[in-house]
C-alpha cells in the first residue's frame, strides 16, 4: 500500500501580493447594482448582484449564489447615470464571504475599451 503526502502552506501576505501582481488590468472599486444569469439555461432567473470592482478585463460581483468556475454569465449593469449594458463574462472563481454572500470573479469574453469602462463607472 502506498502512502500519499501533500504539502499545505498558509497563504502569506507575499502570496497575496504575487496574486495581485498577476492582474493584467487595474481594478476600479465601484458599487453598482447588476443582474446576472447563466447562459447555459435559457429560461432561468436573473440573480441580483452588487459590482465590487471592475477593470477592462473583468468584474467582481457579490452574489448569494456560487456560480461554478467556467460558467458563462450575462451581467446586466446600470451605471449611476442610468446607462444600461449587458456584458458576457466567464466565472473564474467564487469565494465564500463571512456575510453569507459569494464573491464571484469573472473575466469579460470581450475586453472593454477605456471609453467603454468609463461609461460604466
Protein backbone atom coordinates (compact mmCIF):
# COMPACT_ATOMS: atom_id res chain seq x y z
CA UNK A 1 0.00 0.00 0.00
CA UNK A 2 1.45 3.37 -0.93
CA UNK A 3 1.09 6.49 1.16
CA UNK A 4 0.22 9.90 -0.26
CA UNK A 5 1.58 13.11 1.11
CA UNK A 6 0.58 16.70 0.38
CA UNK A 7 2.33 19.89 1.35
CA UNK A 8 -0.11 22.55 2.51
CA UNK A 9 1.05 26.07 3.24
CA UNK A 10 -0.98 29.00 4.53
CA UNK A 11 -1.47 31.93 2.20
CA UNK A 12 1.01 34.60 3.14
CA UNK A 13 0.96 38.32 2.50
CA UNK A 14 3.69 37.66 -0.07
CA UNK A 15 1.49 35.15 -1.93
CA UNK A 16 -1.46 37.55 -1.89
CA UNK A 17 0.79 40.30 -3.28
CA UNK A 18 2.06 37.98 -6.01
CA UNK A 19 -1.55 37.14 -6.91
CA UNK A 20 -2.43 40.85 -7.15
CA UNK A 21 0.63 41.49 -9.32
CA UNK A 22 -0.58 38.90 -11.86
CA UNK A 23 -3.61 41.01 -12.68
CA UNK A 24 -3.34 42.34 -16.19
CA UNK A 25 -5.60 45.37 -15.68
CA UNK A 26 -6.15 47.82 -12.85
CA UNK A 27 -9.31 47.11 -10.87
CA UNK A 28 -11.51 50.07 -10.02
CA UNK A 29 -13.63 49.79 -6.87
CA UNK A 30 -17.31 50.59 -7.55
CA UNK A 31 -20.72 49.96 -6.05
CA UNK A 32 -23.20 49.30 -8.83
CA UNK A 33 -26.31 47.16 -8.92
CA UNK A 34 -26.39 44.40 -11.51
CA UNK A 35 -28.35 41.37 -12.62
CA UNK A 36 -26.72 38.12 -13.71
CA UNK A 37 -27.89 34.88 -15.26
CA UNK A 38 -26.13 31.79 -16.53
CA UNK A 39 -26.06 31.49 -20.31
CA UNK A 40 -26.40 27.68 -20.36
CA UNK A 41 -30.08 27.82 -19.36
CA UNK A 42 -32.44 29.95 -21.45
CA UNK A 43 -35.40 30.30 -19.10
CA UNK A 44 -33.71 30.99 -15.80
CA UNK A 45 -33.91 33.57 -13.07
CA UNK A 46 -31.79 36.68 -13.05
CA UNK A 47 -29.74 36.86 -9.83
CA UNK A 48 -29.30 40.25 -8.19
CA UNK A 49 -25.67 41.26 -7.66
CA UNK A 50 -23.54 44.14 -6.47
CA UNK A 51 -20.47 45.05 -8.51
CA UNK A 52 -17.46 45.31 -6.18
CA UNK A 53 -14.83 46.19 -8.74
CA UNK A 54 -14.36 46.37 -12.48
CA UNK A 55 -11.49 46.56 -14.95
CA UNK A 56 -11.13 46.39 -18.71
CA UNK A 57 -10.68 42.61 -18.41
CA UNK A 58 -13.12 41.57 -15.69
CA UNK A 59 -15.59 42.23 -12.93
CA UNK A 60 -16.01 41.25 -9.27
CA UNK A 61 -19.55 40.56 -8.11
CA UNK A 62 -21.17 39.91 -4.73
CA UNK A 63 -23.93 37.33 -5.15
CA UNK A 64 -25.96 34.99 -2.99
CA UNK A 65 -25.16 32.08 -5.33
CA UNK A 66 -21.75 30.49 -6.04
CA UNK A 67 -21.64 30.05 -9.82
CA UNK A 68 -19.04 27.43 -10.79
CA UNK A 69 -15.76 28.38 -12.47
CA UNK A 70 -16.22 28.21 -16.24
CA UNK A 71 -19.89 29.25 -16.15
CA UNK A 72 -20.78 31.91 -18.72
CA UNK A 73 -22.89 34.71 -17.22
CA UNK A 74 -24.75 37.58 -18.82
CA UNK A 75 -24.24 40.55 -16.49
CA UNK A 76 -26.65 43.45 -16.90
CA UNK A 77 -25.16 46.67 -15.46
CA UNK A 78 -26.63 50.08 -14.86
CA UNK A 79 -24.32 52.99 -14.01
CA UNK A 80 -25.12 55.99 -11.82
CA UNK A 81 -26.42 57.91 -14.87
CA UNK A 82 -28.88 55.16 -15.83
CA UNK A 83 -26.91 53.78 -18.80
CA UNK A 84 -27.52 50.01 -19.14
CA UNK A 85 -25.27 47.45 -20.75
CA UNK A 86 -25.25 43.65 -20.78
CA UNK A 87 -21.82 42.01 -20.86
CA UNK A 88 -20.87 38.37 -21.41
CA UNK A 89 -18.50 37.03 -18.75
CA UNK A 90 -16.92 33.75 -17.66
CA UNK A 91 -16.65 32.88 -13.96
CA UNK A 92 -13.04 32.45 -12.83
CA UNK A 93 -13.69 31.83 -9.12
CA UNK A 94 -16.33 32.01 -6.39
CA UNK A 95 -15.26 32.62 -2.80
CA UNK A 96 -17.47 32.34 0.26
CA UNK A 97 -17.68 35.55 2.31
CA UNK A 98 -18.28 35.88 6.06
CA UNK A 99 -21.66 37.54 5.48
CA UNK A 100 -23.03 34.51 3.58
CA UNK A 101 -22.58 36.11 0.17
CA UNK A 102 -20.20 34.92 -2.54
CA UNK A 103 -17.50 36.98 -4.24
CA UNK A 104 -17.63 35.84 -7.85
CA UNK A 105 -14.73 36.93 -10.04
CA UNK A 106 -15.40 36.97 -13.77
CA UNK A 107 -13.45 37.78 -16.91
CA UNK A 108 -15.09 39.51 -19.85
CA UNK A 109 -15.38 37.46 -23.03
CA UNK A 110 -14.51 40.66 -24.91
CA UNK A 111 -12.22 43.11 -23.13
CA UNK A 112 -13.64 46.62 -22.59
CA UNK A 113 -12.03 49.65 -24.16
CA UNK A 114 -11.06 52.56 -21.90
CA UNK A 115 -14.08 54.56 -23.08
CA UNK A 116 -16.48 51.62 -22.50
CA UNK A 117 -15.10 51.19 -19.00
CA UNK A 118 -15.50 54.91 -18.22
CA UNK A 119 -19.15 54.82 -19.36
CA UNK A 120 -19.89 52.04 -16.87
CA UNK A 121 -18.26 53.68 -13.86
